[in-house]
Amino acid sequence: MSAAAALTASQIKLVSPPPKRPSPEEPPLPVYLAVTGADQEALPEVLKLGGRLPRLGDGEIALTSTVLKAQKIKKGQRIVVRGAQGRVPLTVAAAYHDPSHLFADQALVSAATMDRLDPDAPAQVVLARGGSERDLARAFAGTPGVEVLGKGAYIDLAKGSMTSGLTVIYGFIGMALVLALFGMATTVSMSVGERTREFGLLGAVGATVAQIRAVVRWEAATVVLLGGLLGVGTALGSVFLMYVATGSSFLAPNPPWWLFPAVIAGAAAVALATSALPARRAAEVPLLEATRAE
């Protein structure tokens, strides 16, 4: 093993500068930050963080760009936070970002500063470089509460915590799609039922069955495609605005390009499925029934 660093984790409350009021009528909401403590000599060897991050000294803190922007804090500014030991004045030494969003997603301090904030802060993880995962697992086999994971396994473990939430979201999306499918089918059917005279007269003036069915299909396709394009545009626009407001790389609008052809193909399939029966009924309207319709 060539390098190792233990990352401790705690929570601090921002005291100064005071939090901003959401509105003049509402009181300010408290701002809590998840702070990570680490040995500044060993940390660069095991964790790559974005930004120009110097080795933090005692009484210094580094904040992510998102936190700095949200709280309107500048580099070099003195702030006051409240930890487990009470108020502690700190100097903002640098801005950075954690590309993994796993280890130091809001604030970073040295081990000495963490002792002032929370001397009993538990170790979140120990990052190590070099050595064999199998040898490390064998060495810590008898230590309770210690699990040795490689880089890929740890990322999979972190992703697993979000799986249940994503499953619920996908379930709601599926329900919304089913409801939209039934709603579209009902809309097309009602449109055909209210235009019996129109379709009958089209047949009387020489329109073929295929042409009448095409009219219904194209109307359904237009509605579905417009709805799909508006939905995709609204979603991308909302994500972009959230990305601009927060600066989080998690919200970077970088959708897979295969998604757009998939949306168009899905919209076409929905249009065909929802217009099949109404188009058939429209093409079979008798002329006498059409003349009696109002």
Protein backbone atom coordinates (compact mmCIF):
# COMPACT_ATOMS: atom_id res chain seq x y z
CA MET A 1 0.00 0.00 0.00
CA SER A 2 1.56 3.28 -1.13
CA ALA A 3 -0.89 5.77 0.43
CA ALA A 4 -3.98 5.84 2.63
CA ALA A 5 -6.22 8.53 4.10
CA ALA A 6 -9.13 8.28 6.51
CA LEU A 7 -12.06 10.58 5.76
CA THR A 8 -14.12 11.64 8.76
CA ALA A 9 -17.58 13.14 8.37
CA SER A 10 -19.64 15.55 10.42
CA GLN A 11 -22.24 18.29 10.03
CA ILE A 12 -21.79 21.99 10.69
CA LYS A 13 -24.21 24.91 10.74
CA LEU A 14 -23.37 28.14 8.95
CA VAL A 15 -23.66 31.03 11.41
CA SER A 16 -21.95 33.88 9.56
CA PRO A 17 -22.68 35.11 6.97
CA PRO A 18 -26.31 34.61 8.01
CA PRO A 19 -28.56 32.61 5.68
CA LYS A 20 -30.63 34.53 3.16
CA ARG A 21 -34.37 34.97 3.60
CA PRO A 22 -36.49 33.13 1.00
CA SER A 23 -38.76 36.20 1.00
CA PRO A 24 -39.13 39.35 3.12
CA GLU A 25 -42.05 37.75 4.99
CA GLU A 26 -40.35 34.41 5.74
CA PRO A 27 -37.60 33.78 8.30
CA PRO A 28 -34.24 32.54 7.00
CA LEU A 29 -33.77 28.79 6.85
CA PRO A 30 -30.72 27.34 8.65
CA VAL A 31 -27.90 26.15 6.40
CA TYR A 32 -26.21 22.88 7.32
CA LEU A 33 -23.13 21.59 5.52
CA ALA A 34 -21.68 18.11 5.39
CA VAL A 35 -17.99 18.55 6.17
CA THR A 36 -15.23 16.02 5.48
CA GLY A 37 -11.95 15.93 7.38
CA ALA A 38 -8.80 14.37 5.97
CA ASP A 39 -5.03 14.33 6.28
CA GLN A 40 -3.94 16.93 3.76
CA GLU A 41 -0.64 15.21 3.02
CA ALA A 42 -2.19 11.88 2.05
CA LEU A 43 -5.48 13.05 0.52
CA PRO A 44 -4.11 14.10 -2.92
CA GLU A 45 -2.59 10.64 -3.33
CA VAL A 46 -5.90 8.80 -2.99
CA LEU A 47 -8.62 11.26 -4.10
CA LYS A 48 -8.64 13.60 -7.08
CA LEU A 49 -10.74 16.71 -6.51
CA GLY A 50 -11.49 19.39 -9.08
CA GLY A 51 -10.31 22.96 -8.73
CA ARG A 52 -7.11 24.47 -7.38
CA LEU A 53 -7.18 22.94 -3.93
CA PRO A 54 -4.16 23.72 -1.72
CA ARG A 55 -3.24 21.80 1.39
CA LEU A 56 -5.55 23.19 4.02
CA GLY A 57 -4.14 24.32 7.32
CA ASP A 58 -5.69 24.59 10.76
CA GLY A 59 -8.58 27.04 10.70
CA GLU A 60 -9.10 26.81 6.93
CA ILE A 61 -12.00 25.32 4.99
CA ALA A 62 -12.62 24.61 1.31
CA LEU A 63 -16.16 24.85 -0.04
CA THR A 64 -17.60 23.54 -3.26
CA SER A 65 -18.48 26.02 -5.97
CA THR A 66 -22.15 25.19 -5.49
CA VAL A 67 -22.06 26.17 -1.81
CA LEU A 68 -20.09 29.35 -2.50
CA LYS A 69 -22.55 30.46 -5.15
CA ALA A 70 -25.64 29.58 -3.12
CA GLN A 71 -24.46 31.39 0.02
CA LYS A 72 -22.64 34.22 -1.81
CA ILE A 73 -19.36 33.45 -0.08
CA LYS A 74 -16.03 34.43 -1.63
CA LYS A 75 -12.59 32.89 -1.42
CA GLY A 76 -10.59 34.38 1.46
CA GLN A 77 -13.72 35.36 3.40
CA ARG A 78 -13.99 34.65 7.11
CA ILE A 79 -17.01 32.60 8.11
CA VAL A 80 -18.30 31.25 11.42
CA VAL A 81 -19.74 27.76 11.73
CA ARG A 82 -21.19 25.83 14.63
CA GLY A 83 -19.95 22.29 15.18
CA ALA A 84 -20.24 19.81 18.01
CA GLN A 85 -17.81 21.93 20.07
CA GLY A 86 -19.56 25.26 19.46
CA ARG A 87 -18.71 28.17 17.20
CA VAL A 88 -15.51 28.00 15.16
CA PRO A 89 -14.23 30.83 12.90
CA LEU A 90 -12.76 29.58 9.62
CA THR A 91 -11.20 31.07 6.51
CA VAL A 92 -12.43 29.97 3.09
CA ALA A 93 -9.15 28.93 1.47
CA ALA A 94 -10.35 27.49 -1.83
CA ALA A 95 -13.21 26.44 -4.06
CA TYR A 96 -13.36 22.90 -5.41
CA HIS A 97 -15.74 20.18 -6.52
CA ASP A 98 -15.91 16.45 -5.93
CA PRO A 99 -16.57 14.75 -9.30
CA SER A 100 -17.74 11.59 -7.54
CA HIS A 101 -20.18 13.43 -5.21
CA LEU A 102 -19.39 10.70 -2.68
CA PHE A 103 -16.62 11.81 -0.35
CA ALA A 104 -16.46 15.62 -0.01
CA ASP A 105 -19.52 17.00 -1.75
CA GLN A 106 -19.87 20.24 0.26
CA ALA A 107 -16.95 21.14 2.53
CA LEU A 108 -13.42 19.92 3.26
CA VAL A 109 -11.13 20.63 6.22
CA SER A 110 -7.88 19.30 7.61
CA ALA A 111 -7.77 16.70 10.35
CA ALA A 112 -6.74 19.37 12.87
CA THR A 113 -9.72 21.57 11.98
CA MET A 114 -12.06 18.59 12.21
CA ASP A 115 -10.83 17.99 15.75
CA ARG A 116 -11.96 21.52 16.61
CA LEU A 117 -15.34 21.04 14.93
CA ASP A 118 -16.14 17.52 16.09
CA PRO A 119 -13.43 15.48 17.83
CA ASP A 120 -15.69 12.41 17.80
CA ALA A 121 -16.43 12.55 14.06
CA PRO A 122 -16.64 8.97 12.75
CA ALA A 123 -14.57 7.71 9.85
CA GLN A 124 -16.70 7.64 6.73
CA VAL A 125 -14.23 5.67 4.64
CA VAL A 126 -10.52 4.93 4.37
CA LEU A 127 -9.16 5.42 0.86
CA ALA A 128 -6.05 3.44 -0.05
CA ARG A 129 -3.84 3.30 -3.12
CA GLY A 130 -1.70 0.34 -4.04
CA GLY A 131 -1.77 -3.15 -2.63
CA SER A 132 -4.11 -6.02 -3.42
CA GLU A 133 -7.79 -5.94 -2.56
CA ARG A 134 -7.60 -9.61 -1.62
CA ASP A 135 -4.64 -9.05 0.72
CA LEU A 136 -6.36 -6.10 2.39
CA ALA A 137 -9.57 -8.08 2.84
CA ARG A 138 -7.59 -10.90 4.43
CA ALA A 139 -5.76 -8.48 6.74
CA PHE A 140 -9.01 -6.91 8.02
CA ALA A 141 -11.06 -10.11 8.03
CA GLY A 142 -11.17 -10.18 11.84
CA THR A 143 -12.04 -6.51 12.29
CA PRO A 144 -15.77 -5.96 12.94
CA GLY A 145 -17.50 -3.31 10.87
CA VAL A 146 -14.73 -3.11 8.26
CA GLU A 147 -15.38 -4.04 4.63
CA VAL A 148 -12.75 -3.83 1.91
CA LEU A 149 -14.08 -2.71 -1.47
CA GLY A 150 -12.39 -1.91 -4.74
CA LYS A 151 -13.15 1.29 -6.61
CA GLY A 152 -15.80 -0.29 -8.82
CA ALA A 153 -17.45 -2.16 -5.96
CA TYR A 154 -17.69 0.99 -3.84
CA ILE A 155 -19.28 2.95 -6.71
CA ASP A 156 -21.77 0.11 -7.25
CA LEU A 157 -22.58 0.18 -3.52
CA ALA A 158 -23.19 3.93 -3.64
CA LYS A 159 -25.38 3.56 -6.72
CA GLY A 160 -27.36 0.80 -5.03
CA SER A 161 -28.64 3.24 -2.43
CA MET A 162 -30.43 5.15 -5.21
CA THR A 163 -31.88 2.08 -6.94
CA SER A 164 -35.04 1.88 -4.84
CA GLY A 165 -35.80 5.56 -5.38
CA LEU A 166 -35.26 5.26 -9.13
CA THR A 167 -37.53 2.21 -9.23
CA VAL A 168 -40.35 4.23 -7.67
CA ILE A 169 -39.77 7.08 -10.13
CA TYR A 170 -39.81 4.69 -13.10
CA GLY A 171 -43.04 3.19 -11.76
CA PHE A 172 -44.71 6.61 -11.71
CA ILE A 173 -43.41 7.32 -15.21
CA GLY A 174 -44.89 4.02 -16.42
CA MET A 175 -48.26 4.84 -14.84
CA ALA A 176 -48.21 8.28 -16.47
CA LEU A 177 -47.50 6.73 -19.88
CA VAL A 178 -50.37 4.24 -19.51
CA LEU A 179 -52.77 7.03 -18.51
CA ALA A 180 -51.57 9.14 -21.43
CA LEU A 181 -52.15 6.21 -23.80
CA PHE A 182 -55.75 5.77 -22.63
CA GLY A 183 -56.31 9.51 -22.72
CA MET A 184 -55.06 9.74 -26.29
CA ALA A 185 -57.24 6.81 -27.39
CA THR A 186 -60.29 8.43 -25.79
CA THR A 187 -59.56 11.78 -27.43
CA VAL A 188 -59.25 10.27 -30.90
CA SER A 189 -62.40 8.17 -30.43
CA MET A 190 -64.43 11.19 -29.31
CA SER A 191 -63.10 13.22 -32.22
CA VAL A 192 -64.24 10.56 -34.69
CA GLY A 193 -67.63 10.19 -32.99
CA GLU A 194 -68.30 13.93 -33.19
CA ARG A 195 -67.38 14.14 -36.89
CA THR A 196 -69.58 11.39 -38.32
CA ARG A 197 -71.04 13.76 -40.94
CA GLU A 198 -67.61 14.91 -42.07
CA PHE A 199 -66.23 11.40 -42.62
CA GLY A 200 -69.40 10.20 -44.33
CA LEU A 201 -69.37 13.13 -46.76
CA LEU A 202 -65.69 12.50 -47.50
CA GLY A 203 -66.65 9.01 -48.58
CA ALA A 204 -69.53 10.39 -50.64
CA VAL A 205 -67.28 12.71 -52.64
CA GLY A 206 -64.90 9.89 -53.51
CA ALA A 207 -62.41 9.60 -50.63
CA THR A 208 -61.17 6.04 -50.30
CA VAL A 209 -61.13 4.03 -47.09
CA ALA A 210 -57.34 4.31 -46.96
CA GLN A 211 -57.49 8.10 -47.29
CA ILE A 212 -60.05 8.48 -44.49
CA ARG A 213 -57.99 6.25 -42.21
CA ALA A 214 -54.89 8.28 -43.07
CA VAL A 215 -56.66 11.50 -42.01
CA VAL A 216 -57.37 10.06 -38.56
CA ARG A 217 -53.86 8.63 -38.21
CA TRP A 218 -52.18 11.90 -39.18
CA GLU A 219 -54.31 13.85 -36.71
CA ALA A 220 -53.36 11.44 -33.93
CA ALA A 221 -49.69 11.54 -34.96
CA THR A 222 -49.68 15.35 -34.92
CA VAL A 223 -51.11 15.51 -31.41
CA VAL A 224 -48.76 12.82 -30.07
CA LEU A 225 -45.63 14.28 -31.69
CA LEU A 226 -46.41 17.81 -30.49
CA GLY A 227 -47.02 16.53 -26.97
CA GLY A 228 -43.81 14.50 -27.03
CA LEU A 229 -41.69 17.36 -28.33
CA LEU A 230 -43.18 19.80 -25.81
CA GLY A 231 -42.60 17.31 -23.00
CA VAL A 232 -38.97 16.67 -23.95
CA GLY A 233 -38.32 20.38 -24.42
CA THR A 234 -39.86 21.26 -21.06
CA ALA A 235 -37.88 18.54 -19.30
CA LEU A 236 -34.55 19.60 -20.84
CA GLY A 237 -35.28 23.26 -20.14
CA SER A 238 -36.14 22.57 -16.50
CA VAL A 239 -32.99 20.51 -15.98
CA PHE A 240 -30.87 23.23 -17.61
CA LEU A 241 -32.35 25.92 -15.36
CA MET A 242 -31.72 23.74 -12.28
CA TYR A 243 -28.14 23.17 -13.45
CA VAL A 244 -27.59 26.91 -13.90
CA ALA A 245 -29.10 27.62 -10.47
CA THR A 246 -27.17 24.94 -8.54
CA GLY A 247 -24.04 24.28 -10.61
CA SER A 248 -24.22 20.58 -9.69
CA SER A 249 -22.66 18.28 -12.28
CA PHE A 250 -25.39 15.76 -11.39
CA LEU A 251 -27.84 18.08 -13.19
CA ALA A 252 -25.71 18.75 -16.27
CA PRO A 253 -28.05 18.53 -19.30
CA ASN A 254 -26.27 15.76 -21.16
CA PRO A 255 -29.00 13.36 -22.34
CA PRO A 256 -28.07 10.38 -24.53
CA TRP A 257 -28.71 11.26 -28.16
CA TRP A 258 -30.43 7.94 -28.82
CA LEU A 259 -33.22 9.19 -26.55
CA PHE A 260 -34.65 11.57 -29.15
CA PRO A 261 -35.11 8.98 -31.95
CA ALA A 262 -36.57 6.66 -29.29
CA VAL A 263 -39.10 9.33 -28.28
CA ILE A 264 -40.09 9.90 -31.91
CA ALA A 265 -40.42 6.16 -32.56
CA GLY A 266 -42.45 5.71 -29.38
CA ALA A 267 -44.72 8.61 -30.32
CA ALA A 268 -45.29 7.09 -33.75
CA ALA A 269 -46.16 3.72 -32.20
CA VAL A 270 -48.60 5.37 -29.80
CA ALA A 271 -50.23 7.28 -32.66
CA LEU A 272 -50.73 4.09 -34.68
CA ALA A 273 -52.03 2.14 -31.67
CA THR A 274 -54.51 4.78 -30.53
CA SER A 275 -55.83 5.62 -34.00
CA ALA A 276 -56.31 2.09 -35.40
CA LEU A 277 -59.88 1.46 -34.21
CA PRO A 278 -61.13 5.07 -34.55
CA ALA A 279 -59.76 5.22 -38.11
CA ARG A 280 -61.54 1.99 -39.00
CA ARG A 281 -64.82 3.31 -37.55
CA ALA A 282 -64.46 6.59 -39.43
CA ALA A 283 -63.93 4.78 -42.74
CA GLU A 284 -67.06 2.66 -42.24
CA VAL A 285 -69.54 5.51 -41.65
CA PRO A 286 -72.56 4.93 -43.96
CA LEU A 287 -73.64 7.82 -46.16
CA LEU A 288 -77.24 7.85 -44.89
CA GLU A 289 -76.07 8.00 -41.27
CA ALA A 290 -73.73 10.85 -42.14
CA THR A 291 -76.54 12.88 -43.70
CA ARG A 292 -78.69 12.48 -40.58
CA ALA A 293 -75.84 13.48 -38.23
CA GLU A 294 -75.81 17.01 -36.89
